[in-house]
């Protein structure tokens, strides 16, 4: 869901997630908790470098 090589750790996704499913990992890269994510795509649409792609299961 998050391309760690593209992620710049800007926290845009963290700040817009309505359910708090995103946090930064120890390397400062976005990490999405799939058990919390509601797949609203807000993070995907907010990411300035398109590092997030929400996958439908």
PDB file of N, CA and C in Angstrom:
ATOM      1  N   UNK A   1       0.805  -1.190   0.000  1.00  0.00           N
ATOM      2  CA  UNK A   1       0.000   0.000   0.000  1.00  0.00           C
ATOM      3  C   UNK A   1       0.851   1.257   0.000  1.00  0.00           C
ATOM      4  N   UNK A   2       1.963   1.251   0.755  1.00  0.00           N
ATOM      5  CA  UNK A   2       2.861   2.407   0.764  1.00  0.00           C
ATOM      6  C   UNK A   2       4.170   2.011   0.109  1.00  0.00           C
ATOM      7  N   UNK A   3       4.563   2.770  -0.911  1.00  0.00           N
ATOM      8  CA  UNK A   3       5.858   2.558  -1.537  1.00  0.00           C
ATOM      9  C   UNK A   3       6.874   3.289  -0.672  1.00  0.00           C
ATOM     10  N   UNK A   4       7.603   2.537   0.147  1.00  0.00           N
ATOM     11  CA  UNK A   4       8.538   3.119   1.112  1.00  0.00           C
ATOM     12  C   UNK A   4       9.670   3.897   0.437  1.00  0.00           C
ATOM     13  N   UNK A   5      10.023   3.510  -0.767  1.00  0.00           N
ATOM     14  CA  UNK A   5      11.096   4.214  -1.471  1.00  0.00           C
ATOM     15  C   UNK A   5      10.634   5.578  -1.971  1.00  0.00           C
ATOM     16  N   UNK A   6       9.354   5.713  -2.235  1.00  0.00           N
ATOM     17  CA  UNK A   6       8.814   6.991  -2.711  1.00  0.00           C
ATOM     18  C   UNK A   6       8.406   7.915  -1.565  1.00  0.00           C
ATOM     19  N   UNK A   7       8.014   7.334  -0.421  1.00  0.00           N
ATOM     20  CA  UNK A   7       7.525   8.112   0.717  1.00  0.00           C
ATOM     21  C   UNK A   7       8.601   9.075   1.210  1.00  0.00           C
ATOM     22  N   UNK A   8       8.198  10.341   1.410  1.00  0.00           N
ATOM     23  CA  UNK A   8       9.138  11.359   1.886  1.00  0.00           C
ATOM     24  C   UNK A   8       8.914  11.703   3.361  1.00  0.00           C
ATOM     25  N   UNK A   9       7.986  11.007   4.007  1.00  0.00           N
ATOM     26  CA  UNK A   9       7.746  11.211   5.428  1.00  0.00           C
ATOM     27  C   UNK A   9       7.185  12.570   5.787  1.00  0.00           C
ATOM     28  N   UNK A  10       6.371  13.130   4.909  1.00  0.00           N
ATOM     29  CA  UNK A  10       5.844  14.486   5.112  1.00  0.00           C
ATOM     30  C   UNK A  10       4.674  14.548   6.089  1.00  0.00           C
ATOM     31  N   UNK A  11       4.085  13.403   6.413  1.00  0.00           N
ATOM     32  CA  UNK A  11       2.948  13.285   7.347  1.00  0.00           C
ATOM     33  C   UNK A  11       1.622  13.781   6.797  1.00  0.00           C
ATOM     34  N   UNK A  12       1.549  14.115   5.524  1.00  0.00           N
ATOM     35  CA  UNK A  12       0.268  14.557   4.950  1.00  0.00           C
ATOM     36  C   UNK A  12      -0.795  13.487   5.148  1.00  0.00           C
ATOM     37  N   UNK A  13      -0.446  12.253   4.899  1.00  0.00           N
ATOM     38  CA  UNK A  13      -1.406  11.146   5.035  1.00  0.00           C
ATOM     39  C   UNK A  13      -1.799  10.930   6.494  1.00  0.00           C
ATOM     40  N   UNK A  14      -0.841  11.046   7.378  1.00  0.00           N
ATOM     41  CA  UNK A  14      -1.102  10.874   8.808  1.00  0.00           C
ATOM     42  C   UNK A  14      -2.123  11.911   9.265  1.00  0.00           C
ATOM     43  N   UNK A  15      -1.950  13.136   8.812  1.00  0.00           N
ATOM     44  CA  UNK A  15      -2.803  14.235   9.235  1.00  0.00           C
ATOM     45  C   UNK A  15      -4.224  14.173   8.684  1.00  0.00           C
ATOM     46  N   UNK A  16      -4.433  13.526   7.547  1.00  0.00           N
ATOM     47  CA  UNK A  16      -5.773  13.496   6.940  1.00  0.00           C
ATOM     48  C   UNK A  16      -6.539  12.204   7.174  1.00  0.00           C
ATOM     49  N   UNK A  17      -5.905  11.176   7.670  1.00  0.00           N
ATOM     50  CA  UNK A  17      -6.600   9.894   7.869  1.00  0.00           C
ATOM     51  C   UNK A  17      -7.703  10.060   8.913  1.00  0.00           C
ATOM     52  N   UNK A  18      -8.959   9.813   8.510  1.00  0.00           N
ATOM     53  CA  UNK A  18     -10.070  10.025   9.442  1.00  0.00           C
ATOM     54  C   UNK A  18     -10.177   8.994  10.566  1.00  0.00           C
ATOM     55  N   UNK A  19      -9.469   7.871  10.438  1.00  0.00           N
ATOM     56  CA  UNK A  19      -9.556   6.829  11.464  1.00  0.00           C
ATOM     57  C   UNK A  19      -8.227   6.561  12.170  1.00  0.00           C
ATOM     58  N   UNK A  20      -7.206   7.344  11.875  1.00  0.00           N
ATOM     59  CA  UNK A  20      -5.917   7.178  12.533  1.00  0.00           C
ATOM     60  C   UNK A  20      -5.190   5.893  12.178  1.00  0.00           C
ATOM     61  N   UNK A  21      -5.354   5.443  10.944  1.00  0.00           N
ATOM     62  CA  UNK A  21      -4.750   4.178  10.523  1.00  0.00           C
ATOM     63  C   UNK A  21      -3.307   4.319  10.045  1.00  0.00           C
ATOM     64  N   UNK A  22      -2.801   5.548   9.972  1.00  0.00           N
ATOM     65  CA  UNK A  22      -1.461   5.755   9.424  1.00  0.00           C
ATOM     66  C   UNK A  22      -0.544   6.392  10.463  1.00  0.00           C
ATOM     67  N   UNK A  23       0.653   5.854  10.541  1.00  0.00           N
ATOM     68  CA  UNK A  23       1.688   6.437  11.392  1.00  0.00           C
ATOM     69  C   UNK A  23       3.019   6.286  10.672  1.00  0.00           C
ATOM     70  N   UNK A  24       4.027   6.941  11.162  1.00  0.00           N
ATOM     71  CA  UNK A  24       5.350   6.800  10.571  1.00  0.00           C
ATOM     72  C   UNK A  24       6.101   5.685  11.283  1.00  0.00           C
ATOM     73  N   UNK A  25       6.815   4.885  10.505  1.00  0.00           N
ATOM     74  CA  UNK A  25       7.602   3.797  11.096  1.00  0.00           C
ATOM     75  C   UNK A  25       8.924   4.339  11.628  1.00  0.00           C
ATOM     76  N   UNK A  26       9.793   3.467  12.094  1.00  0.00           N
ATOM     77  CA  UNK A  26      11.065   3.889  12.687  1.00  0.00           C
ATOM     78  C   UNK A  26      11.973   4.616  11.700  1.00  0.00           C
ATOM     79  N   UNK A  27      11.732   4.426  10.409  1.00  0.00           N
ATOM     80  CA  UNK A  27      12.527   5.083   9.379  1.00  0.00           C
ATOM     81  C   UNK A  27      11.879   6.378   8.893  1.00  0.00           C
ATOM     82  N   UNK A  28      10.758   6.755   9.494  1.00  0.00           N
ATOM     83  CA  UNK A  28      10.081   7.986   9.105  1.00  0.00           C
ATOM     84  C   UNK A  28       9.230   7.846   7.855  1.00  0.00           C
ATOM     85  N   UNK A  29       8.853   6.623   7.537  1.00  0.00           N
ATOM     86  CA  UNK A  29       8.027   6.349   6.357  1.00  0.00           C
ATOM     87  C   UNK A  29       6.618   5.974   6.792  1.00  0.00           C
ATOM     88  N   UNK A  30       5.627   6.329   5.982  1.00  0.00           N
ATOM     89  CA  UNK A  30       4.238   6.024   6.307  1.00  0.00           C
ATOM     90  C   UNK A  30       3.998   4.525   6.362  1.00  0.00           C
ATOM     91  N   UNK A  31       3.138   4.143   7.295  1.00  0.00           N
ATOM     92  CA  UNK A  31       2.768   2.748   7.470  1.00  0.00           C
ATOM     93  C   UNK A  31       1.268   2.722   7.761  1.00  0.00           C
ATOM     94  N   UNK A  32       0.524   1.935   7.012  1.00  0.00           N
ATOM     95  CA  UNK A  32      -0.920   1.876   7.162  1.00  0.00           C
ATOM     96  C   UNK A  32      -1.321   0.586   7.868  1.00  0.00           C
ATOM     97  N   UNK A  33      -2.097   0.732   8.924  1.00  0.00           N
ATOM     98  CA  UNK A  33      -2.631  -0.427   9.646  1.00  0.00           C
ATOM     99  C   UNK A  33      -3.869  -0.897   8.888  1.00  0.00           C
ATOM    100  N   UNK A  34      -3.740  -2.007   8.194  1.00  0.00           N
ATOM    101  CA  UNK A  34      -4.821  -2.522   7.345  1.00  0.00           C
ATOM    102  C   UNK A  34      -6.048  -2.944   8.143  1.00  0.00           C
ATOM    103  N   UNK A  35      -5.874  -3.203   9.434  1.00  0.00           N
ATOM    104  CA  UNK A  35      -7.014  -3.605  10.248  1.00  0.00           C
ATOM    105  C   UNK A  35      -7.889  -2.408  10.635  1.00  0.00           C
ATOM    106  N   UNK A  36      -7.349  -1.205  10.501  1.00  0.00           N
ATOM    107  CA  UNK A  36      -8.079   0.021  10.840  1.00  0.00           C
ATOM    108  C   UNK A  36      -8.537   0.766   9.586  1.00  0.00           C
ATOM    109  N   UNK A  37      -7.750   0.691   8.527  1.00  0.00           N
ATOM    110  CA  UNK A  37      -8.012   1.427   7.279  1.00  0.00           C
ATOM    111  C   UNK A  37      -9.410   1.133   6.729  1.00  0.00           C
ATOM    112  N   UNK A  38     -10.134   2.195   6.368  1.00  0.00           N
ATOM    113  CA  UNK A  38     -11.482   2.042   5.800  1.00  0.00           C
ATOM    114  C   UNK A  38     -11.476   2.246   4.280  1.00  0.00           C
ATOM    115  N   UNK A  39     -10.289   2.367   3.704  1.00  0.00           N
ATOM    116  CA  UNK A  39     -10.102   2.493   2.250  1.00  0.00           C
ATOM    117  C   UNK A  39     -10.874   3.667   1.651  1.00  0.00           C
ATOM    118  N   UNK A  40     -10.828   4.796   2.340  1.00  0.00           N
ATOM    119  CA  UNK A  40     -11.527   5.993   1.859  1.00  0.00           C
ATOM    120  C   UNK A  40     -10.723   6.733   0.790  1.00  0.00           C
ATOM    121  N   UNK A  41      -9.453   6.381   0.669  1.00  0.00           N
ATOM    122  CA  UNK A  41      -8.541   6.947  -0.330  1.00  0.00           C
ATOM    123  C   UNK A  41      -8.133   8.403  -0.070  1.00  0.00           C
ATOM    124  N   UNK A  42      -8.439   8.923   1.092  1.00  0.00           N
ATOM    125  CA  UNK A  42      -8.048  10.292   1.415  1.00  0.00           C
ATOM    126  C   UNK A  42      -6.527  10.420   1.410  1.00  0.00           C
ATOM    127  N   UNK A  43      -5.847   9.456   1.976  1.00  0.00           N
ATOM    128  CA  UNK A  43      -4.380   9.487   2.015  1.00  0.00           C
ATOM    129  C   UNK A  43      -3.793   9.392   0.604  1.00  0.00           C
ATOM    130  N   UNK A  44      -4.360   8.502  -0.177  1.00  0.00           N
ATOM    131  CA  UNK A  44      -3.902   8.303  -1.550  1.00  0.00           C
ATOM    132  C   UNK A  44      -4.014   9.604  -2.348  1.00  0.00           C
ATOM    133  N   UNK A  45      -5.113  10.314  -2.165  1.00  0.00           N
ATOM    134  CA  UNK A  45      -5.345  11.556  -2.893  1.00  0.00           C
ATOM    135  C   UNK A  45      -4.541  12.726  -2.337  1.00  0.00           C
ATOM    136  N   UNK A  46      -4.075  12.612  -1.103  1.00  0.00           N
ATOM    137  CA  UNK A  46      -3.334  13.691  -0.453  1.00  0.00           C
ATOM    138  C   UNK A  46      -1.825  13.580  -0.645  1.00  0.00           C
ATOM    139  N   UNK A  47      -1.321  12.386  -0.799  1.00  0.00           N
ATOM    140  CA  UNK A  47       0.131  12.168  -0.894  1.00  0.00           C
ATOM    141  C   UNK A  47       0.733  12.970  -2.058  1.00  0.00           C
ATOM    142  N   UNK A  48       1.678  13.859  -1.753  1.00  0.00           N
ATOM    143  CA  UNK A  48       2.253  14.706  -2.805  1.00  0.00           C
ATOM    144  C   UNK A  48       3.172  13.979  -3.781  1.00  0.00           C
ATOM    145  N   UNK A  49       3.602  12.759  -3.419  1.00  0.00           N
ATOM    146  CA  UNK A  49       4.509  12.010  -4.295  1.00  0.00           C
ATOM    147  C   UNK A  49       3.892  10.703  -4.784  1.00  0.00           C
ATOM    148  N   UNK A  50       2.595  10.532  -4.572  1.00  0.00           N
ATOM    149  CA  UNK A  50       1.857   9.329  -5.003  1.00  0.00           C
ATOM    150  C   UNK A  50       2.471   8.028  -4.509  1.00  0.00           C
ATOM    151  N   UNK A  51       2.909   8.032  -3.239  1.00  0.00           N
ATOM    152  CA  UNK A  51       3.532   6.856  -2.658  1.00  0.00           C
ATOM    153  C   UNK A  51       2.508   5.867  -2.109  1.00  0.00           C
ATOM    154  N   UNK A  52       1.236   6.277  -2.048  1.00  0.00           N
ATOM    155  CA  UNK A  52       0.197   5.415  -1.471  1.00  0.00           C
ATOM    156  C   UNK A  52      -0.777   4.977  -2.542  1.00  0.00           C
ATOM    157  N   UNK A  53      -1.023   3.688  -2.579  1.00  0.00           N
ATOM    158  CA  UNK A  53      -2.016   3.115  -3.479  1.00  0.00           C
ATOM    159  C   UNK A  53      -2.893   2.178  -2.652  1.00  0.00           C
ATOM    160  N   UNK A  54      -4.159   2.510  -2.524  1.00  0.00           N
ATOM    161  CA  UNK A  54      -5.084   1.679  -1.770  1.00  0.00           C
ATOM    162  C   UNK A  54      -5.523   0.523  -2.661  1.00  0.00           C
ATOM    163  N   UNK A  55      -5.419  -0.680  -2.131  1.00  0.00           N
ATOM    164  CA  UNK A  55      -5.783  -1.871  -2.879  1.00  0.00           C
ATOM    165  C   UNK A  55      -7.091  -2.428  -2.343  1.00  0.00           C
ATOM    166  N   UNK A  56      -8.011  -2.679  -3.223  1.00  0.00           N
ATOM    167  CA  UNK A  56      -9.259  -3.320  -2.836  1.00  0.00           C
ATOM    168  C   UNK A  56      -9.007  -4.817  -2.712  1.00  0.00           C
ATOM    169  N   UNK A  57      -9.477  -5.397  -1.639  1.00  0.00           N
ATOM    170  CA  UNK A  57      -9.269  -6.838  -1.428  1.00  0.00           C
ATOM    171  C   UNK A  57     -10.326  -7.661  -2.102  1.00  0.00           C
TER     172      UNK A  57
END
